[in-house]
Amino acid sequence: MSSIEAPYVLGIAEKPQAARRLAYALDANNKPTVKKIKNISVFVCNRESRKIVIAPAVGHLFTLSSISKTWNYPVLDYEWVPSHTVNKNARTKNFTDVFKSLAKGAEDVIIMTDFDREGEVIGYLILKYLIGRTDAERMKFSTLTVSDIIQAYNQREKSLDLGFLNSGLVRHYVDWLYGINYSRALSLALKKVSGQFKTISIGRVQGPTLSSVVELENEIKMFLPIPFWTIESEVVLGGKKFKTFYEKPKIERQKEALIVVKDCSSLVGRITNISEETSYQYPFPPFDLGSLQREAYRYFKFSPSKTLQFAESLYLKALISYPRTDSQKLPMTLGHKTILSKLGSQSDYTTFVNEIIASKKFKPKEGKRTDAAHPAIHPTGNVPDNTLSASERKLYDMIVKRYLSVFGKRAEILKGTIDIHVNSHKFEVRGSKIIDEGWIRYYKPYFSLSEQILPNVQLNSDVNFSYIDSKENFTSPPGRFNESSLLKKMETEKIGTKATRAGIIKTLFDRGYIAGKEITPTPLGESVVDVLQNQYPVLVKSEMTRNLEDIMDEVENKKKNLDTTVFTIKSELKDLLIL
């Protein structure tokens, strides 16, 4: 039983670290009382003459399970059960017991989980199965800063967001139905082929993703290289050697390439044109989750799942905004001047922040993508303490500098070209000079520009080449996926969501379906795709998964009913999977 005197308002937080931050922000004196129930820290706050008890979950406390406990197929009936009853490794029982003990004394309930589909589902299932209610008040926040938490409390909604909740529920139902039935269908199909039964797991998003890897590998294996020739050359200008570019980047016949070399055998050319033009490089948009994962892979070689892990840790430490976002928008209501001023107290950023504040230009460069719940990923301005890991600190620095860069001026580059003719053949020398680095200064070392300063030369003057030769080359097969490019493929194909894609890739590695930094399918992965393509070809096509994502978006936007949608999906799945 709870030792906390009733009545009170019960707050449901998603994780222990979030519960602590919520409690310290909401307590009138920023000194909540900590109570231990089942060895779980529960926080008692006092705010505006109300007692608020904030208890944490540890992510999902419930999972879907088949109502029938025997192995059958297809499986279409399920129920929500406490995670610890089906997964003995799930350390969730004490958290479940805490909410049960606090339920009786709660006069009101506030859902304080992350504001997204998963957060809505986590809070709702606790509310329904442990507290015995179906609705509650809802706090919505994008950072765990004190000011955002207090604002979310003062402006809390009177009920749950049914669009988010129902789309989250239908996603769980769809993933469970397709996952268990895909896997059992695949196991039975493999038995048909091999005569042996072996449990093989696959999911509705894993299937098309794995198929993309296998298809690319088959394309690489079938690739036949085709020869072509290039003209390689170097010229001396102002006493320095410069690479030159022949007017045809690719020559299909060796005979033609040899003729070019012969025609240019004098190695003497004439400058026929000198041109300059100013070009501009504009800041990149602020980070959404996908672009952060790709940039962290490019520069740090962090896997997408590791980047998400580090970003979530930074969010829970109130250093960045909620990372699971598709948005490239930074609305002015975030208070950019305040955030910048706070960042300026960190010595690594002081100079750049002072420049931005002095410019008095606080409207950031934005991208096109939006998210209904959260803005683009940005720093809160809070100062990191010494508990950050090296990897977290690297990611934090990248996020801060990307944020600073969206307030920077465009970069200005002077590009120059010198045209040189050798007989009738045209060569180019290309150069560039940075006039103003602009925003790039703020984003270094994650992006930079190189210069090649061209010397002063005279029009119609003769110049000497060091060499002009032909080189045989061969067309190359397409490159294999790495984790970053596979993530981009999933985004382009609209397979999965921002929150699930990194986990899908990790699952394919963990199950032994793919391997390597340059990702290749394993024999098991190839066998899985082969069987699915022969038995259930629709299951490896991205169209089906994409259509399901569209349906779930319609549920979120309240254009489709939850129960009707689930009934239709079950009917279609049953027709699809009967052997």
Protein backbone atom coordinates (compact mmCIF):
# COMPACT_ATOMS: atom_id res chain seq x y z
CA MET A 1 0.00 0.00 0.00
CA SER A 2 1.03 3.61 -0.61
CA SER A 3 2.34 5.50 2.41
CA ILE A 4 1.36 8.82 0.82
CA GLU A 5 -1.62 10.53 2.39
CA ALA A 6 -4.59 11.03 0.05
CA PRO A 7 -6.07 12.85 -1.75
CA TYR A 8 -3.59 13.92 -4.41
CA VAL A 9 -3.18 14.47 -8.12
CA LEU A 10 -1.31 11.56 -9.69
CA GLY A 11 1.19 12.42 -12.42
CA ILE A 12 2.31 9.66 -14.80
CA ALA A 13 5.85 10.19 -16.12
CA GLU A 14 7.46 8.06 -18.81
CA LYS A 15 10.81 7.44 -17.14
CA PRO A 16 12.39 7.94 -13.69
CA GLN A 17 14.71 10.71 -14.88
CA ALA A 18 11.78 12.59 -16.42
CA ALA A 19 9.73 12.16 -13.23
CA ARG A 20 12.51 13.78 -11.20
CA ARG A 21 12.75 16.79 -13.51
CA LEU A 22 8.99 17.21 -13.61
CA ALA A 23 8.78 17.08 -9.84
CA TYR A 24 11.56 19.57 -9.15
CA ALA A 25 10.05 21.98 -11.67
CA LEU A 26 6.49 21.72 -10.35
CA ASP A 27 7.16 21.85 -6.61
CA ALA A 28 6.64 25.39 -5.34
CA ASN A 29 10.01 25.32 -3.54
CA ASN A 30 11.78 23.08 -6.06
CA LYS A 31 12.25 20.57 -3.23
CA PRO A 32 9.81 17.69 -3.70
CA THR A 33 9.69 14.93 -1.12
CA VAL A 34 11.04 11.62 -2.37
CA LYS A 35 9.19 8.48 -1.25
CA LYS A 36 10.30 4.93 -1.94
CA ILE A 37 7.57 2.47 -2.95
CA LYS A 38 8.72 -0.98 -4.07
CA ASN A 39 12.19 0.58 -4.28
CA ILE A 40 10.92 3.06 -6.90
CA SER A 41 11.37 6.79 -6.30
CA VAL A 42 8.03 8.61 -6.23
CA PHE A 43 7.96 12.40 -5.90
CA VAL A 44 5.52 14.41 -3.81
CA CYS A 45 5.13 18.07 -4.84
CA ASN A 46 3.09 20.95 -3.57
CA ARG A 47 1.86 23.51 -6.05
CA GLU A 48 -0.91 26.03 -5.65
CA SER A 49 -2.30 24.23 -2.58
CA ARG A 50 -2.46 20.93 -4.45
CA LYS A 51 -0.49 17.81 -3.66
CA ILE A 52 0.91 16.25 -6.82
CA VAL A 53 2.42 12.77 -6.69
CA ILE A 54 4.58 11.97 -9.72
CA ALA A 55 5.38 8.32 -10.38
CA PRO A 56 7.52 7.01 -13.23
CA ALA A 57 7.02 4.24 -15.71
CA VAL A 58 10.02 2.76 -17.44
CA GLY A 59 8.72 3.02 -20.98
CA HIS A 60 5.97 0.53 -21.80
CA LEU A 61 4.57 -1.40 -18.84
CA PHE A 62 2.17 -3.37 -21.06
CA THR A 63 2.54 -5.44 -24.19
CA LEU A 64 0.21 -7.25 -26.57
CA SER A 65 -0.14 -11.02 -26.25
CA SER A 66 -2.20 -13.68 -27.98
CA ILE A 67 -5.35 -14.59 -26.09
CA SER A 68 -4.82 -18.20 -27.09
CA LYS A 69 -1.73 -19.64 -25.43
CA THR A 70 -1.32 -22.42 -28.00
CA TRP A 71 0.64 -22.14 -31.27
CA ASN A 72 -1.87 -21.44 -34.02
CA TYR A 73 -2.07 -19.54 -37.30
CA PRO A 74 -3.30 -17.04 -38.27
CA VAL A 75 -3.47 -15.20 -34.94
CA LEU A 76 -6.02 -12.38 -34.87
CA ASP A 77 -7.06 -12.02 -31.22
CA TYR A 78 -4.90 -10.28 -28.63
CA GLU A 79 -4.98 -8.55 -25.28
CA TRP A 80 -2.87 -6.10 -23.30
CA VAL A 81 -0.94 -7.76 -20.50
CA PRO A 82 1.73 -6.50 -18.07
CA SER A 83 5.11 -6.81 -19.78
CA HIS A 84 6.67 -8.74 -16.91
CA THR A 85 4.14 -11.58 -17.31
CA VAL A 86 5.37 -12.47 -20.81
CA ASN A 87 8.98 -11.28 -20.63
CA LYS A 88 10.78 -12.43 -17.51
CA ASN A 89 13.63 -10.01 -18.29
CA ALA A 90 11.31 -7.00 -18.19
CA ARG A 91 11.97 -5.13 -14.95
CA THR A 92 8.55 -3.55 -14.89
CA LYS A 93 6.65 -5.36 -12.10
CA ASN A 94 7.58 -2.91 -9.33
CA PHE A 95 6.59 0.04 -11.51
CA THR A 96 3.24 -1.63 -12.20
CA ASP A 97 2.71 -2.25 -8.48
CA VAL A 98 3.50 1.40 -7.66
CA PHE A 99 0.72 2.70 -9.91
CA LYS A 100 -1.72 0.16 -8.49
CA SER A 101 -0.91 1.32 -4.96
CA LEU A 102 -1.31 4.98 -5.86
CA ALA A 103 -4.56 4.58 -7.81
CA LYS A 104 -6.99 4.63 -4.88
CA GLY A 105 -5.80 7.95 -3.44
CA ALA A 106 -5.78 9.81 -6.76
CA GLU A 107 -8.56 12.36 -7.12
CA ASP A 108 -7.23 13.49 -10.51
CA VAL A 109 -4.64 12.18 -12.97
CA ILE A 110 -2.29 14.07 -15.28
CA ILE A 111 -0.46 12.30 -18.10
CA MET A 112 3.10 13.69 -18.16
CA THR A 113 4.66 11.26 -20.65
CA ASP A 114 6.42 12.42 -23.82
CA PHE A 115 3.94 14.02 -26.16
CA ASP A 116 3.89 11.59 -29.06
CA ARG A 117 2.06 8.42 -30.04
CA GLU A 118 4.08 6.18 -27.77
CA GLY A 119 3.83 8.53 -24.83
CA GLU A 120 0.08 8.72 -25.26
CA VAL A 121 -0.21 4.91 -25.36
CA ILE A 122 2.08 4.43 -22.34
CA GLY A 123 0.02 6.85 -20.26
CA TYR A 124 -3.34 5.51 -21.45
CA LEU A 125 -2.55 1.87 -20.67
CA ILE A 126 -1.42 2.76 -17.13
CA LEU A 127 -4.53 4.89 -16.76
CA LYS A 128 -6.87 2.14 -17.96
CA TYR A 129 -5.41 -1.04 -16.52
CA LEU A 130 -3.72 0.14 -13.32
CA ILE A 131 -5.74 3.18 -12.26
CA GLY A 132 -9.12 2.16 -13.66
CA ARG A 133 -9.86 5.30 -15.69
CA THR A 134 -10.16 6.06 -19.39
CA ASP A 135 -9.33 9.78 -19.47
CA ALA A 136 -7.08 12.26 -17.73
CA GLU A 137 -5.58 15.71 -18.07
CA ARG A 138 -2.59 16.03 -20.42
CA MET A 139 0.62 18.04 -20.21
CA LYS A 140 2.36 18.74 -23.53
CA PHE A 141 6.00 19.83 -23.64
CA SER A 142 8.95 19.67 -26.02
CA THR A 143 11.73 20.17 -23.46
CA LEU A 144 12.22 19.23 -19.83
CA THR A 145 13.29 22.72 -18.81
CA VAL A 146 11.64 24.26 -15.76
CA SER A 147 9.92 26.98 -17.79
CA ASP A 148 8.47 24.54 -20.34
CA ILE A 149 7.25 22.17 -17.64
CA ILE A 150 5.50 24.94 -15.72
CA GLN A 151 3.94 26.27 -18.90
CA ALA A 152 2.74 22.76 -19.84
CA TYR A 153 1.20 22.36 -16.39
CA ASN A 154 -0.56 25.72 -16.53
CA GLN A 155 -1.84 25.06 -20.05
CA ARG A 156 -2.60 21.36 -19.65
CA GLU A 157 -5.39 19.86 -21.73
CA LYS A 158 -8.52 18.51 -20.07
CA SER A 159 -8.29 15.15 -21.84
CA LEU A 160 -5.98 12.91 -23.83
CA ASP A 161 -5.24 13.56 -27.49
CA LEU A 162 -7.46 10.91 -29.11
CA GLY A 163 -5.81 11.30 -32.51
CA PHE A 164 -2.37 10.51 -31.10
CA LEU A 165 -3.76 7.82 -28.81
CA ASN A 166 -5.76 5.94 -31.44
CA SER A 167 -3.01 6.13 -34.06
CA GLY A 168 -0.56 4.85 -31.44
CA LEU A 169 -2.88 1.98 -30.51
CA VAL A 170 -3.55 1.00 -34.11
CA ARG A 171 0.19 1.02 -34.79
CA HIS A 172 0.74 -1.42 -31.94
CA TYR A 173 -2.11 -3.63 -33.15
CA VAL A 174 -0.87 -3.60 -36.76
CA ASP A 175 2.76 -4.25 -35.81
CA TRP A 176 1.75 -7.11 -33.51
CA LEU A 177 -0.64 -8.70 -36.02
CA TYR A 178 1.78 -8.49 -38.91
CA GLY A 179 4.79 -9.42 -36.80
CA ILE A 180 3.39 -12.62 -35.29
CA ASN A 181 1.63 -13.71 -38.48
CA TYR A 182 4.54 -12.83 -40.79
CA SER A 183 6.82 -14.84 -38.53
CA ARG A 184 4.55 -17.89 -38.31
CA ALA A 185 3.83 -17.80 -42.04
CA LEU A 186 7.54 -17.62 -42.76
CA SER A 187 8.30 -20.48 -40.37
CA LEU A 188 5.66 -22.67 -42.06
CA ALA A 189 6.86 -21.71 -45.54
CA LEU A 190 10.45 -22.62 -44.63
CA LYS A 191 9.21 -25.96 -43.32
CA LYS A 192 7.61 -26.59 -46.71
CA VAL A 193 10.92 -25.90 -48.44
CA SER A 194 13.33 -27.63 -46.03
CA GLY A 195 11.14 -30.16 -44.27
CA GLN A 196 12.30 -28.77 -40.92
CA PHE A 197 10.50 -26.38 -38.64
CA LYS A 198 12.41 -23.38 -37.31
CA THR A 199 11.00 -20.22 -35.74
CA ILE A 200 11.89 -17.21 -37.91
CA SER A 201 10.90 -13.68 -36.93
CA ILE A 202 10.07 -10.86 -39.32
CA GLY A 203 7.87 -7.75 -39.19
CA ARG A 204 5.89 -5.58 -41.57
CA VAL A 205 8.66 -2.95 -41.77
CA GLN A 206 11.56 -5.40 -41.52
CA GLY A 207 10.36 -7.29 -44.62
CA PRO A 208 10.57 -4.43 -47.14
CA THR A 209 13.76 -3.08 -45.53
CA LEU A 210 15.51 -6.45 -45.73
CA SER A 211 14.23 -6.86 -49.28
CA SER A 212 15.87 -3.55 -50.26
CA VAL A 213 19.24 -4.85 -49.01
CA VAL A 214 18.84 -8.16 -50.87
CA GLU A 215 17.72 -6.47 -54.10
CA LEU A 216 20.71 -4.15 -54.03
CA GLU A 217 23.08 -7.07 -53.38
CA ASN A 218 21.60 -8.95 -56.35
CA GLU A 219 22.07 -5.87 -58.51
CA ILE A 220 25.72 -5.67 -57.44
CA LYS A 221 26.27 -9.37 -58.20
CA MET A 222 24.72 -9.03 -61.66
CA PHE A 223 26.59 -5.86 -62.51
CA LEU A 224 28.83 -5.97 -65.59
CA PRO A 225 31.47 -3.20 -65.67
CA ILE A 226 31.66 -1.23 -68.91
CA PRO A 227 34.94 0.44 -69.95
CA PHE A 228 35.21 4.15 -70.63
CA TRP A 229 38.08 6.61 -70.93
CA THR A 230 38.87 9.96 -69.35
CA ILE A 231 41.41 12.61 -70.23
CA GLU A 232 43.77 13.29 -67.31
CA SER A 233 45.73 16.53 -67.47
CA GLU A 234 47.66 19.12 -65.49
CA VAL A 235 48.68 22.67 -66.42
CA VAL A 236 51.25 25.10 -64.99
CA LEU A 237 49.89 28.52 -64.07
CA GLY A 238 51.94 31.12 -62.21
CA GLY A 239 54.54 28.51 -61.40
CA LYS A 240 51.99 26.15 -59.76
CA LYS A 241 50.39 23.00 -61.07
CA PHE A 242 46.61 22.81 -61.44
CA LYS A 243 44.38 19.92 -62.38
CA THR A 244 42.40 20.59 -65.53
CA PHE A 245 39.05 19.19 -66.64
CA TYR A 246 38.51 18.09 -70.22
CA GLU A 247 35.29 19.21 -71.87
CA LYS A 248 34.01 15.62 -72.10
CA PRO A 249 34.08 13.98 -68.66
CA LYS A 250 33.61 10.52 -70.17
CA ILE A 251 34.68 9.12 -73.56
CA GLU A 252 33.12 5.83 -74.61
CA ARG A 253 35.71 4.70 -77.16
CA GLN A 254 39.44 4.33 -76.67
CA LYS A 255 40.11 5.46 -80.24
CA GLU A 256 38.55 8.86 -79.57
CA ALA A 257 40.57 9.27 -76.35
CA LEU A 258 43.83 8.49 -78.14
CA ILE A 259 43.00 11.06 -80.84
CA VAL A 260 42.56 13.72 -78.13
CA VAL A 261 45.96 12.87 -76.64
CA LYS A 262 47.60 12.97 -80.07
CA ASP A 263 45.98 16.31 -80.95
CA CYS A 264 47.30 17.75 -77.68
CA SER A 265 50.80 16.28 -77.92
CA SER A 266 52.40 19.74 -78.04
CA LEU A 267 51.29 20.27 -74.42
CA VAL A 268 50.86 23.97 -75.21
CA GLY A 269 47.50 25.68 -74.80
CA ARG A 270 46.07 29.17 -75.04
CA ILE A 271 43.89 30.90 -72.46
CA THR A 272 40.65 31.73 -74.28
CA ASN A 273 38.39 32.87 -71.46
CA ILE A 274 38.60 34.00 -67.83
CA SER A 275 35.38 34.23 -65.83
CA GLU A 276 34.31 34.85 -62.25
CA GLU A 277 30.94 34.63 -60.52
CA THR A 278 29.74 34.93 -56.95
CA SER A 279 27.80 32.02 -55.49
CA TYR A 280 26.12 31.63 -52.12
CA GLN A 281 25.86 28.74 -49.69
CA TYR A 282 22.84 28.97 -47.37
CA PRO A 283 22.57 27.35 -43.92
CA PHE A 284 21.25 23.81 -43.69
CA PRO A 285 17.82 23.47 -42.06
CA PRO A 286 17.70 22.68 -38.34
CA PHE A 287 17.84 19.01 -37.41
CA ASP A 288 14.92 16.65 -37.52
CA LEU A 289 15.66 13.17 -36.21
CA GLY A 290 16.54 11.63 -39.57
CA SER A 291 18.98 14.37 -40.59
CA LEU A 292 20.60 14.27 -37.13
CA GLN A 293 21.08 10.51 -37.42
CA ARG A 294 22.61 10.81 -40.89
CA GLU A 295 24.91 13.68 -39.90
CA ALA A 296 26.08 11.88 -36.76
CA TYR A 297 26.82 8.78 -38.85
CA ARG A 298 28.70 10.83 -41.46
CA TYR A 299 30.91 12.61 -38.94
CA PHE A 300 31.08 10.36 -35.87
CA LYS A 301 30.05 7.00 -37.38
CA PHE A 302 27.33 6.69 -34.73
CA SER A 303 24.69 4.17 -35.75
CA PRO A 304 21.17 5.62 -36.06
CA SER A 305 20.08 3.71 -32.95
CA LYS A 306 23.06 5.03 -30.96
CA THR A 307 22.36 8.59 -32.07
CA LEU A 308 18.76 8.27 -30.90
CA GLN A 309 19.97 6.81 -27.59
CA PHE A 310 22.38 9.71 -27.02
CA ALA A 311 19.78 12.29 -28.10
CA GLU A 312 17.18 10.87 -25.71
CA SER A 313 19.72 11.07 -22.90
CA LEU A 314 20.39 14.73 -23.72
CA TYR A 315 16.64 15.36 -23.74
CA LEU A 316 16.17 13.75 -20.34
CA LYS A 317 18.98 15.96 -19.04
CA ALA A 318 17.02 19.00 -20.32
CA LEU A 319 19.82 19.95 -22.72
CA ILE A 320 17.93 19.56 -26.01
CA SER A 321 14.35 19.43 -27.17
CA TYR A 322 12.42 16.22 -27.84
CA PRO A 323 14.39 14.36 -30.52
CA ARG A 324 11.69 12.18 -32.10
CA THR A 325 10.49 14.86 -34.49
CA ASP A 326 10.08 15.28 -38.24
CA SER A 327 10.06 19.06 -37.96
CA GLN A 328 12.54 21.46 -39.53
CA LYS A 329 10.73 24.44 -38.01
CA LEU A 330 11.90 26.66 -35.14
CA PRO A 331 9.00 28.98 -34.30
CA MET A 332 9.76 32.36 -32.78
CA THR A 333 7.70 31.38 -29.73
CA LEU A 334 10.63 29.24 -28.58
CA GLY A 335 12.36 32.42 -27.43
CA HIS A 336 15.56 32.24 -29.48
CA LYS A 337 17.17 35.29 -27.89
CA THR A 338 16.81 33.69 -24.45
CA ILE A 339 18.20 30.35 -25.65
CA LEU A 340 21.11 32.09 -27.36
CA SER A 341 21.90 34.17 -24.29
CA LYS A 342 22.04 31.02 -22.16
CA LEU A 343 24.27 29.28 -24.71
CA GLY A 344 26.57 32.29 -24.59
CA SER A 345 27.53 31.38 -21.02
CA GLN A 346 29.31 28.30 -22.43
CA SER A 347 32.78 29.39 -23.50
CA ASP A 348 32.80 27.22 -26.63
CA TYR A 349 29.94 29.27 -28.07
CA THR A 350 30.34 32.74 -26.52
CA THR A 351 31.96 34.46 -29.51
CA PHE A 352 29.42 33.17 -32.01
CA VAL A 353 26.46 33.90 -29.75
CA ASN A 354 27.64 37.46 -29.22
CA GLU A 355 27.85 37.96 -32.99
CA ILE A 356 24.30 36.66 -33.49
CA ILE A 357 22.86 38.77 -30.67
CA ALA A 358 24.67 41.85 -31.97
CA SER A 359 23.11 41.30 -35.41
CA LYS A 360 19.63 41.37 -33.80
CA LYS A 361 18.46 38.80 -36.36
CA PHE A 362 16.69 36.04 -34.47
CA LYS A 363 14.61 34.53 -37.27
CA PRO A 364 16.23 31.17 -38.07
CA LYS A 365 16.64 29.48 -41.41
CA GLU A 366 14.00 26.73 -41.56
CA GLY A 367 13.29 23.71 -43.73
CA LYS A 368 10.00 22.54 -45.22
CA ARG A 369 9.19 19.58 -42.99
CA THR A 370 6.74 19.94 -40.12
CA ASP A 371 5.62 17.88 -37.13
CA ALA A 372 2.26 18.23 -35.41
CA ALA A 373 3.71 17.83 -31.93
CA HIS A 374 7.25 19.19 -31.74
CA PRO A 375 9.65 21.73 -33.31
CA ALA A 376 13.03 20.88 -34.81
CA ILE A 377 15.73 19.59 -32.47
CA HIS A 378 17.43 22.46 -30.70
CA PRO A 379 19.41 23.15 -27.51
CA THR A 380 17.60 24.49 -24.47
CA GLY A 381 20.53 26.66 -23.39
CA ASN A 382 21.03 24.76 -20.14
CA VAL A 383 24.66 24.13 -19.28
CA PRO A 384 25.80 20.48 -19.40
CA ASP A 385 27.32 19.05 -16.26
CA ASN A 386 30.22 16.62 -16.05
CA THR A 387 27.96 13.55 -16.29
CA LEU A 388 27.84 13.68 -20.10
CA SER A 389 29.61 10.83 -21.83
CA ALA A 390 32.11 11.64 -24.57
CA SER A 391 29.60 10.56 -27.22
CA GLU A 392 26.80 12.64 -25.70
CA ARG A 393 29.07 15.67 -25.59
CA LYS A 394 29.96 15.24 -29.26
CA LEU A 395 26.32 15.02 -30.28
CA TYR A 396 25.40 17.98 -28.06
CA ASP A 397 28.09 20.11 -29.72
CA MET A 398 26.81 19.18 -33.18
CA ILE A 399 23.23 20.10 -32.21
CA VAL A 400 24.27 23.44 -30.68
CA LYS A 401 26.40 24.41 -33.66
CA ARG A 402 23.68 23.44 -36.13
CA TYR A 403 21.29 25.64 -34.14
CA LEU A 404 23.72 28.57 -34.15
CA SER A 405 24.31 28.17 -37.87
CA VAL A 406 20.65 28.75 -38.79
CA PHE A 407 21.03 32.33 -37.54
CA GLY A 408 24.17 32.94 -39.58
CA LYS A 409 24.62 34.92 -42.79
CA ARG A 410 24.84 33.12 -46.11
CA ALA A 411 28.36 32.14 -47.12
CA GLU A 412 29.79 34.00 -50.12
CA ILE A 413 32.17 32.24 -52.52
CA LEU A 414 33.88 33.66 -55.60
CA LYS A 415 34.19 30.96 -58.23
CA GLY A 416 36.63 31.34 -61.10
CA THR A 417 37.15 29.45 -64.33
CA ILE A 418 40.02 29.61 -66.80
CA ASP A 419 39.33 28.09 -70.25
CA ILE A 420 42.33 26.75 -72.12
CA HIS A 421 42.25 25.46 -75.68
CA VAL A 422 44.80 23.06 -77.08
CA ASN A 423 44.03 23.07 -80.79
CA SER A 424 40.26 22.43 -80.84
CA HIS A 425 40.11 20.79 -77.41
CA LYS A 426 38.86 22.71 -74.40
CA PHE A 427 40.17 22.31 -70.84
CA GLU A 428 39.04 24.11 -67.68
CA VAL A 429 40.85 25.13 -64.52
CA ARG A 430 38.44 25.70 -61.66
CA GLY A 431 39.08 27.72 -58.56
CA SER A 432 37.23 29.20 -55.62
CA LYS A 433 37.86 31.83 -53.00
CA ILE A 434 35.83 32.26 -49.81
CA ILE A 435 34.74 35.88 -49.46
CA ASP A 436 32.65 35.40 -46.32
CA GLU A 437 32.24 32.12 -44.45
CA GLY A 438 29.02 33.33 -42.86
CA TRP A 439 27.15 30.56 -41.06
CA ILE A 440 29.88 28.00 -41.82
CA ARG A 441 32.05 29.49 -39.07
CA TYR A 442 29.37 28.51 -36.57
CA TYR A 443 29.01 24.95 -37.85
CA LYS A 444 32.68 23.97 -38.11
CA PRO A 445 34.08 21.31 -38.00
CA TYR A 446 30.93 19.58 -39.26
CA PHE A 447 31.01 21.45 -42.56
CA SER A 448 33.67 23.48 -44.31
CA LEU A 449 34.61 24.76 -47.74
CA SER A 450 37.94 24.31 -49.48
CA GLU A 451 39.63 26.98 -51.55
CA GLN A 452 41.75 26.88 -54.68
CA ILE A 453 43.04 30.36 -55.44
CA LEU A 454 43.70 30.89 -59.13
CA PRO A 455 46.67 33.03 -60.16
CA ASN A 456 46.38 36.17 -62.25
CA VAL A 457 46.77 35.21 -65.90
CA GLN A 458 46.51 37.04 -69.20
CA LEU A 459 43.85 36.33 -71.80
CA ASN A 460 45.28 34.85 -75.04
CA SER A 461 48.55 33.93 -73.33
CA ASP A 462 50.11 30.51 -73.92
CA VAL A 463 50.52 28.01 -71.07
CA ASN A 464 52.27 24.67 -70.74
CA PHE A 465 50.70 21.40 -69.62
CA SER A 466 52.65 18.94 -67.49
CA TYR A 467 50.85 16.07 -69.16
CA ILE A 468 47.73 15.16 -71.13
CA ASP A 469 47.00 11.43 -71.10
CA SER A 470 44.07 9.05 -71.48
CA LYS A 471 43.01 6.71 -68.71
CA GLU A 472 40.90 3.57 -68.95
CA ASN A 473 38.16 3.29 -66.31
CA PHE A 474 35.23 0.98 -65.66
CA THR A 475 31.72 1.78 -64.53
CA SER A 476 31.14 0.83 -60.91
CA PRO A 477 28.29 -1.11 -59.35
CA PRO A 478 26.00 0.77 -56.98
CA GLY A 479 27.43 1.15 -53.50
CA ARG A 480 26.08 -0.97 -50.69
CA PHE A 481 23.97 0.58 -47.98
CA ASN A 482 25.49 1.73 -44.75
CA GLU A 483 23.23 2.41 -41.77
CA SER A 484 22.82 6.04 -42.74
CA SER A 485 21.92 5.43 -46.38
CA LEU A 486 19.58 2.57 -45.43
CA LEU A 487 17.84 4.94 -43.04
CA LYS A 488 17.52 7.46 -45.88
CA LYS A 489 16.09 4.74 -48.14
CA MET A 490 13.45 3.95 -45.51
CA GLU A 491 12.57 7.64 -45.22
CA THR A 492 12.30 8.01 -49.01
CA GLU A 493 10.14 4.89 -49.30
CA LYS A 494 8.10 5.98 -46.25
CA ILE A 495 8.84 2.69 -44.53
CA GLY A 496 8.40 2.97 -40.76
CA THR A 497 8.48 6.22 -38.78
CA LYS A 498 11.09 8.56 -37.37
CA ALA A 499 10.80 6.72 -34.05
CA THR A 500 11.08 3.17 -35.40
CA ARG A 501 13.50 3.16 -38.36
CA ALA A 502 16.74 3.01 -36.38
CA GLY A 503 15.33 0.18 -34.27
CA ILE A 504 14.30 -1.76 -37.38
CA ILE A 505 17.84 -1.62 -38.76
CA LYS A 506 19.24 -2.74 -35.41
CA THR A 507 16.76 -5.62 -35.27
CA LEU A 508 17.84 -6.85 -38.73
CA PHE A 509 21.45 -6.90 -37.47
CA ASP A 510 20.48 -8.59 -34.19
CA ARG A 511 18.51 -11.33 -35.95
CA GLY A 512 21.42 -12.11 -38.25
CA TYR A 513 19.67 -11.04 -41.44
CA ILE A 514 22.24 -8.37 -42.40
CA ALA A 515 25.89 -7.77 -41.50
CA GLY A 516 28.81 -5.38 -41.98
CA LYS A 517 29.41 -1.64 -42.11
CA GLU A 518 28.85 -1.91 -45.85
CA ILE A 519 25.63 -3.81 -45.31
CA THR A 520 25.22 -7.18 -46.98
CA PRO A 521 22.44 -9.73 -46.48
CA THR A 522 23.46 -12.94 -44.74
CA PRO A 523 22.49 -16.31 -46.23
CA LEU A 524 19.67 -16.41 -43.69
CA GLY A 525 18.49 -12.96 -44.76
CA GLU A 526 18.56 -13.96 -48.42
CA SER A 527 16.60 -17.13 -47.63
CA VAL A 528 13.97 -15.15 -45.71
CA VAL A 529 13.43 -12.76 -48.63
CA ASP A 530 13.44 -15.63 -51.15
CA VAL A 531 10.70 -17.50 -49.27
CA LEU A 532 8.62 -14.35 -48.76
CA GLN A 533 8.89 -13.38 -52.42
CA ASN A 534 7.75 -16.85 -53.49
CA GLN A 535 5.01 -17.35 -50.91
CA TYR A 536 3.88 -13.83 -49.91
CA PRO A 537 5.39 -11.31 -52.36
CA VAL A 538 3.25 -8.46 -51.02
CA LEU A 539 5.04 -8.73 -47.67
CA VAL A 540 8.37 -7.53 -49.07
CA LYS A 541 6.95 -4.61 -51.04
CA SER A 542 7.14 -1.16 -49.54
CA GLU A 543 3.73 -0.21 -50.99
CA MET A 544 1.83 -2.28 -48.43
CA THR A 545 3.73 -0.80 -45.47
CA ARG A 546 3.41 2.69 -46.94
CA ASN A 547 -0.36 2.23 -47.33
CA LEU A 548 -0.62 1.10 -43.72
CA GLU A 549 1.30 4.21 -42.61
CA ASP A 550 -1.19 6.36 -44.54
CA ILE A 551 -4.09 4.59 -42.85
CA MET A 552 -2.56 5.19 -39.41
CA ASP A 553 -2.08 8.87 -40.27
CA GLU A 554 -5.79 9.04 -41.16
CA VAL A 555 -6.62 7.55 -37.75
CA GLU A 556 -4.43 10.22 -36.13
CA ASN A 557 -6.23 12.94 -38.09
CA LYS A 558 -9.57 11.41 -37.05
CA LYS A 559 -10.53 10.57 -40.63
CA LYS A 560 -10.80 6.86 -39.82
CA ASN A 561 -12.32 5.06 -36.84
CA LEU A 562 -10.00 2.92 -34.71
CA ASP A 563 -12.22 -0.16 -34.40
CA THR A 564 -13.29 -0.14 -38.05
CA THR A 565 -9.68 0.23 -39.18
CA VAL A 566 -8.50 -2.69 -37.05
CA PHE A 567 -11.37 -4.90 -38.28
CA THR A 568 -10.50 -4.11 -41.92
CA ILE A 569 -6.80 -4.79 -41.37
CA LYS A 570 -7.54 -8.12 -39.70
CA SER A 571 -9.79 -9.18 -42.61
CA GLU A 572 -7.19 -8.23 -45.23
CA LEU A 573 -4.42 -9.96 -43.27
CA LYS A 574 -6.46 -13.15 -42.90
CA ASP A 575 -7.15 -13.29 -46.65
CA LEU A 576 -3.49 -12.64 -47.38
CA LEU A 577 -1.95 -15.22 -45.06
CA ILE A 578 -4.13 -18.33 -45.28
CA LEU A 579 -1.91 -21.08 -46.68
